[in-house]
Amino acid sequence: MRELLRSTKAYKTIGADAKSGAAAHAMLVLFPDEKYLRPLLRECARAFFGAQTEGREGELISSETFADCLFLPAAGGKLTAADGVRLVDESLLRPVEGNKKLFVLDAFHNASALVQNKLLKLLEEPPRGVYFLLGAVSDFSVLPTVLSRVKRLEEPPFAEEAIAAALKRNHPAERGHAECAAACGGVYSAAEELLNAHGESFRLAERFLLTPNKEGFCRELGDGKEKEKRAFFSAVRLVLRDALFTASGQGKFASRKGEEVCAIAREYPAGALASALDLVTEAEKQIKFNANFGQCAEALAIGIAKEKEKWQRLS
């Protein structure tokens, strides 16, 4: 995974800027994979200090115990007003080992407006030698006043080939690396969840598109495990894409070529399949904002059915 994270623009830019003395005092890394956001921030912190992974500084940063690099909040937590007070106090203290200090603020997309406002002055005019590295999955909930004070480093989704290679390195015994990489939308943790499901997510997606009783099927999905739910929409996207390839005579490009995909290609017009891909993206956005999974799946089913009917009338 380290190799994949070190291929990011954020890692390379932060390391190069720090080495040349041109590092911004406040940097915001936008990375869509929440599971691996904190690991990426650790890699970026190592790049900032020019620390080798196997060296003392690199190992201390890995364990989040390096004196001049403070990580907040605790892993899995949320920045609080008390954290804001601590940041102000800590920023006034001199570095312990060098001439600069780095404050790494994880999951900044979850920080309340109150906490973000408390940090504005510090982000704009930090003490000499003090730097901030913020991480968020998107800038949707980051205040415009914060965005205006930081250097944005926005990471695009990883390429399929890069994710497939990482899956092979990290999960050599599993099968379906390319298929999961194609379905994950460039998010590595989504590819891992699909891989760990051993193909079940894809089978669910095919049933979802083929079953006439979609309302009952969505209720069944709503009772499933959380990991299955997270992987479901990614699997639907790949099945739709492969069915579209098949329906448009480009089946050689499809990852899944079984009878179920062929049946979906026969049942849905190509235009409906293309429109359905956009509906999947919208459903995933709703899930990110904590919408009910079962309701999102049912809304997706209704939307796809409408597209199917529309394109059947046009054909």
Protein backbone atom coordinates (compact mmCIF):
# COMPACT_ATOMS: atom_id res chain seq x y z
CA MET A 1 0.00 0.00 0.00
CA ARG A 2 2.90 2.33 0.73
CA GLU A 3 3.97 2.21 -2.92
CA LEU A 4 0.50 3.31 -4.03
CA LEU A 5 0.33 6.16 -1.51
CA ARG A 6 3.77 7.39 -2.49
CA SER A 7 2.65 7.66 -6.10
CA THR A 8 0.23 10.46 -5.15
CA LYS A 9 0.67 14.09 -6.11
CA ALA A 10 0.33 15.10 -2.46
CA TYR A 11 3.26 12.94 -1.34
CA LYS A 12 5.51 14.10 -4.15
CA THR A 13 4.57 17.79 -3.92
CA ILE A 14 4.92 18.04 -0.14
CA GLY A 15 8.29 16.32 -0.20
CA ALA A 16 9.62 18.48 -3.04
CA ASP A 17 8.32 21.74 -1.54
CA ALA A 18 9.75 20.95 1.91
CA LYS A 19 13.13 20.03 0.43
CA SER A 20 13.32 23.30 -1.51
CA GLY A 21 12.09 25.39 1.41
CA ALA A 22 8.89 26.33 -0.42
CA ALA A 23 6.36 24.41 1.72
CA ALA A 24 3.06 26.20 2.32
CA HIS A 25 2.25 26.84 5.96
CA ALA A 26 -1.14 25.18 5.56
CA MET A 27 -1.84 22.32 3.14
CA LEU A 28 -5.09 20.44 2.51
CA VAL A 29 -4.92 16.95 1.02
CA LEU A 30 -8.21 15.90 -0.59
CA PHE A 31 -8.23 12.11 -0.90
CA PRO A 32 -11.46 10.18 -1.58
CA ASP A 33 -10.44 7.00 0.30
CA GLU A 34 -11.32 7.63 3.95
CA LYS A 35 -9.86 4.32 5.14
CA TYR A 36 -6.41 5.22 3.82
CA LEU A 37 -6.51 8.98 4.38
CA ARG A 38 -4.56 8.82 7.65
CA PRO A 39 -1.91 6.45 6.22
CA LEU A 40 -1.46 8.91 3.33
CA LEU A 41 -1.06 11.79 5.79
CA ARG A 42 1.65 9.79 7.61
CA GLU A 43 3.48 9.27 4.32
CA CYS A 44 3.16 12.98 3.55
CA ALA A 45 4.49 13.85 7.01
CA ARG A 46 7.53 11.65 6.40
CA ALA A 47 8.06 13.40 3.07
CA PHE A 48 7.76 16.79 4.78
CA PHE A 49 10.54 15.93 7.23
CA GLY A 50 12.57 14.03 4.65
CA ALA A 51 12.42 11.03 6.99
CA GLN A 52 13.34 7.55 5.82
CA THR A 53 10.75 4.88 6.58
CA GLU A 54 13.28 2.65 8.33
CA GLY A 55 15.03 5.51 10.13
CA ARG A 56 14.28 6.79 13.60
CA GLU A 57 12.23 9.80 12.52
CA GLY A 58 10.30 7.75 9.98
CA GLU A 59 9.45 5.07 12.53
CA LEU A 60 8.35 7.69 15.08
CA ILE A 61 6.09 9.35 12.50
CA SER A 62 4.65 5.93 11.61
CA SER A 63 3.71 5.42 15.26
CA GLU A 64 2.59 9.08 15.54
CA THR A 65 5.04 9.72 18.37
CA PHE A 66 7.54 12.10 16.74
CA ALA A 67 7.84 15.15 19.01
CA ASP A 68 7.70 17.69 16.18
CA CYS A 69 4.76 16.07 14.37
CA LEU A 70 1.44 16.04 16.22
CA PHE A 71 -1.52 14.04 14.83
CA LEU A 72 -5.05 15.08 15.80
CA PRO A 73 -7.62 13.79 16.52
CA ALA A 74 -6.99 10.26 17.77
CA ALA A 75 -7.51 7.71 14.99
CA GLY A 76 -11.23 7.38 14.30
CA GLY A 77 -12.04 10.51 16.31
CA LYS A 78 -13.29 13.97 15.48
CA LEU A 79 -11.60 17.32 16.04
CA THR A 80 -13.01 19.11 19.07
CA ALA A 81 -12.83 22.60 20.52
CA ALA A 82 -10.36 21.22 23.08
CA ASP A 83 -8.15 20.08 20.20
CA GLY A 84 -8.28 23.60 18.83
CA VAL A 85 -7.09 25.03 22.15
CA ARG A 86 -4.31 22.44 22.26
CA LEU A 87 -3.18 23.35 18.77
CA VAL A 88 -2.90 27.01 19.71
CA ASP A 89 -0.89 26.17 22.84
CA GLU A 90 1.37 23.62 21.12
CA SER A 91 2.08 25.94 18.20
CA LEU A 92 3.70 28.43 20.60
CA LEU A 93 6.26 25.87 21.78
CA ARG A 94 9.61 25.61 20.00
CA PRO A 95 10.37 22.48 17.97
CA VAL A 96 12.12 19.80 20.00
CA GLU A 97 14.46 18.26 17.42
CA GLY A 98 14.61 20.58 14.44
CA ASN A 99 13.51 23.99 13.23
CA LYS A 100 9.93 23.18 12.21
CA LYS A 101 6.79 21.58 13.57
CA LEU A 102 3.98 19.90 11.66
CA PHE A 103 0.41 19.53 12.90
CA VAL A 104 -1.50 16.82 11.02
CA LEU A 105 -5.29 17.17 11.20
CA ASP A 106 -7.01 14.00 10.02
CA ALA A 107 -10.63 13.70 8.82
CA PHE A 108 -11.02 17.47 8.59
CA HIS A 109 -14.26 16.95 6.65
CA ASN A 110 -15.81 15.89 9.98
CA ALA A 111 -14.69 19.00 11.87
CA SER A 112 -17.54 21.26 12.93
CA ALA A 113 -17.81 24.83 11.67
CA LEU A 114 -17.09 26.01 15.23
CA VAL A 115 -13.77 24.14 15.35
CA GLN A 116 -12.80 25.25 11.84
CA ASN A 117 -13.48 28.88 12.72
CA LYS A 118 -11.30 28.60 15.82
CA LEU A 119 -8.37 27.57 13.63
CA LEU A 120 -8.67 30.33 11.01
CA LYS A 121 -6.21 32.80 12.52
CA LEU A 122 -3.71 30.02 13.25
CA LEU A 123 -3.91 28.72 9.69
CA GLU A 124 -3.48 32.21 8.25
CA GLU A 125 -0.69 33.44 10.53
CA PRO A 126 1.04 30.49 12.22
CA PRO A 127 4.13 31.06 14.37
CA ARG A 128 7.46 30.83 12.61
CA GLY A 129 8.36 27.24 11.69
CA VAL A 130 4.83 25.92 12.25
CA TYR A 131 3.04 24.05 9.45
CA PHE A 132 -0.36 22.40 9.10
CA LEU A 133 -1.32 19.37 7.04
CA LEU A 134 -5.08 18.84 6.80
CA GLY A 135 -6.69 15.74 5.31
CA ALA A 136 -10.26 15.39 4.03
CA VAL A 137 -12.16 13.10 1.68
CA SER A 138 -13.74 16.12 -0.01
CA ASP A 139 -13.99 19.87 0.44
CA PHE A 140 -17.80 19.87 0.66
CA SER A 141 -17.87 20.46 4.43
CA VAL A 142 -14.69 22.53 4.64
CA LEU A 143 -15.45 26.21 5.17
CA PRO A 144 -14.60 28.59 2.30
CA THR A 145 -12.62 30.67 4.78
CA VAL A 146 -10.44 27.63 5.51
CA LEU A 147 -10.08 26.76 1.82
CA SER A 148 -8.84 30.28 1.12
CA ARG A 149 -6.01 29.82 3.63
CA VAL A 150 -4.62 26.46 2.49
CA LYS A 151 -2.78 25.01 -0.46
CA ARG A 152 -5.11 22.39 -1.98
CA LEU A 153 -3.65 19.07 -3.08
CA GLU A 154 -6.52 17.18 -4.66
CA GLU A 155 -5.90 13.54 -5.54
CA PRO A 156 -7.72 12.05 -8.52
CA PRO A 157 -8.92 8.44 -8.29
CA PHE A 158 -6.18 5.87 -8.81
CA ALA A 159 -5.90 4.26 -12.23
CA GLU A 160 -7.29 0.72 -12.57
CA GLU A 161 -3.84 -0.62 -13.40
CA ALA A 162 -2.28 0.92 -10.27
CA ILE A 163 -4.99 -0.52 -8.00
CA ALA A 164 -4.79 -3.94 -9.64
CA ALA A 165 -1.02 -3.99 -9.12
CA ALA A 166 -1.44 -2.98 -5.46
CA LEU A 167 -4.07 -5.69 -4.92
CA LYS A 168 -1.70 -8.29 -6.36
CA ARG A 169 1.09 -7.13 -4.03
CA ASN A 170 -1.07 -6.99 -0.91
CA HIS A 171 -3.45 -9.91 -1.60
CA PRO A 172 -1.51 -12.33 -3.79
CA ALA A 173 -3.62 -15.36 -2.84
CA GLU A 174 -6.93 -13.80 -3.89
CA ARG A 175 -8.47 -13.87 -7.36
CA GLY A 176 -10.24 -11.15 -9.31
CA HIS A 177 -7.72 -8.30 -8.89
CA ALA A 178 -8.46 -6.71 -12.27
CA GLU A 179 -12.21 -7.07 -11.87
CA CYS A 180 -12.23 -5.41 -8.46
CA ALA A 181 -9.89 -2.66 -9.64
CA ALA A 182 -12.25 -1.93 -12.53
CA ALA A 183 -15.28 -1.70 -10.23
CA CYS A 184 -13.91 0.38 -7.36
CA GLY A 185 -14.04 3.81 -8.99
CA GLY A 186 -10.37 4.44 -8.25
CA VAL A 187 -10.78 3.96 -4.47
CA TYR A 188 -8.41 1.30 -3.17
CA SER A 189 -10.36 0.34 -0.04
CA ALA A 190 -13.46 -0.26 -2.18
CA ALA A 191 -11.41 -2.64 -4.33
CA GLU A 192 -10.28 -4.48 -1.19
CA GLU A 193 -13.86 -4.85 0.03
CA LEU A 194 -14.91 -6.27 -3.32
CA LEU A 195 -11.96 -8.64 -3.28
CA ASN A 196 -12.70 -9.79 0.27
CA ALA A 197 -16.30 -10.54 -0.72
CA HIS A 198 -14.99 -13.26 -3.08
CA GLY A 199 -17.35 -12.27 -5.91
CA GLU A 200 -20.51 -12.13 -3.80
CA SER A 201 -20.94 -8.37 -4.39
CA PHE A 202 -20.95 -8.91 -8.15
CA ARG A 203 -23.48 -11.73 -7.88
CA LEU A 204 -25.72 -9.47 -5.78
CA ALA A 205 -25.41 -6.71 -8.37
CA GLU A 206 -26.45 -9.07 -11.16
CA ARG A 207 -29.45 -10.28 -9.16
CA PHE A 208 -30.40 -6.68 -8.39
CA LEU A 209 -30.54 -5.82 -12.10
CA LEU A 210 -32.32 -9.00 -13.16
CA THR A 211 -34.87 -9.64 -10.40
CA PRO A 212 -38.44 -8.46 -11.09
CA ASN A 213 -39.05 -8.01 -7.33
CA LYS A 214 -36.61 -5.17 -6.73
CA GLU A 215 -38.48 -3.81 -3.70
CA GLY A 216 -38.11 -7.11 -1.85
CA PHE A 217 -34.52 -7.47 -2.97
CA CYS A 218 -33.67 -3.99 -1.64
CA ARG A 219 -35.13 -4.92 1.75
CA GLU A 220 -32.91 -7.99 1.72
CA LEU A 221 -29.91 -5.83 0.90
CA GLY A 222 -30.72 -3.48 3.76
CA ASP A 223 -30.34 -6.35 6.21
CA GLY A 224 -26.87 -7.27 4.92
CA LYS A 225 -23.48 -6.63 6.46
CA GLU A 226 -21.99 -3.13 6.33
CA LYS A 227 -19.05 -4.19 4.17
CA GLU A 228 -21.40 -5.82 1.68
CA LYS A 229 -23.41 -2.61 1.53
CA ARG A 230 -20.34 -0.47 0.85
CA ALA A 231 -19.19 -2.75 -1.95
CA PHE A 232 -22.61 -3.15 -3.55
CA PHE A 233 -22.76 0.05 -5.61
CA SER A 234 -19.21 -0.45 -6.87
CA ALA A 235 -20.23 -3.91 -8.08
CA VAL A 236 -23.37 -2.54 -9.75
CA ARG A 237 -21.24 -0.02 -11.62
CA LEU A 238 -18.98 -2.72 -13.07
CA VAL A 239 -21.88 -4.99 -14.04
CA LEU A 240 -23.62 -2.08 -15.79
CA ARG A 241 -20.42 -1.13 -17.57
CA ASP A 242 -19.81 -4.69 -18.74
CA ALA A 243 -23.44 -5.05 -19.85
CA LEU A 244 -23.06 -1.79 -21.81
CA PHE A 245 -19.93 -3.14 -23.49
CA THR A 246 -21.83 -6.30 -24.38
CA ALA A 247 -24.94 -4.46 -25.60
CA SER A 248 -22.87 -2.16 -27.83
CA GLY A 249 -20.86 -4.98 -29.43
CA GLN A 250 -17.70 -4.35 -27.39
CA GLY A 251 -17.93 -7.40 -25.16
CA LYS A 252 -14.20 -8.09 -25.51
CA PHE A 253 -13.57 -5.15 -23.14
CA ALA A 254 -15.88 -6.51 -20.41
CA SER A 255 -14.45 -7.92 -17.18
CA ARG A 256 -17.47 -10.15 -16.56
CA LYS A 257 -18.70 -12.12 -19.54
CA GLY A 258 -21.10 -14.61 -17.94
CA GLU A 259 -24.69 -15.39 -18.87
CA GLU A 260 -26.04 -12.95 -16.26
CA VAL A 261 -24.24 -9.99 -17.86
CA CYS A 262 -25.47 -11.10 -21.29
CA ALA A 263 -29.02 -11.31 -19.92
CA ILE A 264 -28.76 -7.77 -18.53
CA ALA A 265 -27.45 -6.56 -21.91
CA ARG A 266 -30.49 -8.12 -23.60
CA GLU A 267 -32.98 -6.73 -21.10
CA TYR A 268 -31.73 -3.12 -20.96
CA PRO A 269 -31.19 -0.82 -23.96
CA ALA A 270 -27.65 0.59 -24.20
CA GLY A 271 -28.92 4.11 -23.47
CA ALA A 272 -30.55 2.93 -20.26
CA LEU A 273 -27.33 1.22 -19.15
CA ALA A 274 -25.33 4.39 -19.79
CA SER A 275 -27.83 6.52 -17.84
CA ALA A 276 -27.86 3.97 -15.01
CA LEU A 277 -24.13 4.48 -14.49
CA ASP A 278 -24.80 8.14 -13.64
CA LEU A 279 -27.55 7.05 -11.24
CA VAL A 280 -25.09 4.78 -9.42
CA THR A 281 -22.71 7.71 -8.94
CA GLU A 282 -25.53 9.76 -7.44
CA ALA A 283 -26.49 6.88 -5.10
CA GLU A 284 -22.89 6.66 -3.88
CA LYS A 285 -22.89 10.40 -3.14
CA GLN A 286 -26.04 9.99 -1.06
CA ILE A 287 -24.48 7.13 0.89
CA LYS A 288 -21.45 9.29 1.70
CA PHE A 289 -23.83 11.75 3.32
CA ASN A 290 -25.27 8.98 5.52
CA ALA A 291 -28.42 8.32 3.54
CA ASN A 292 -30.26 5.07 4.29
CA PHE A 293 -28.73 2.25 2.24
CA GLY A 294 -31.98 0.40 1.53
CA GLN A 295 -33.72 3.59 0.42
CA CYS A 296 -30.79 4.51 -1.85
CA ALA A 297 -30.83 1.04 -3.43
CA GLU A 298 -34.60 1.26 -3.98
CA ALA A 299 -34.32 4.78 -5.46
CA LEU A 300 -31.61 3.47 -7.77
CA ALA A 301 -33.83 0.58 -8.85
CA ILE A 302 -36.71 2.97 -9.58
CA GLY A 303 -34.43 5.30 -11.54
CA ILE A 304 -33.01 2.46 -13.62
CA ALA A 305 -36.51 1.14 -14.33
CA LYS A 306 -37.58 4.58 -15.57
CA GLU A 307 -34.53 4.81 -17.83
CA LYS A 308 -35.25 1.32 -19.17
CA GLU A 309 -38.84 2.26 -19.98
CA LYS A 310 -37.81 5.53 -21.62
CA TRP A 311 -35.19 3.97 -23.85
CA GLN A 312 -37.48 1.10 -24.80
CA ARG A 313 -40.02 3.67 -26.02
CA LEU A 314 -37.33 5.44 -28.04
CA SER A 315 -35.99 2.28 -29.66
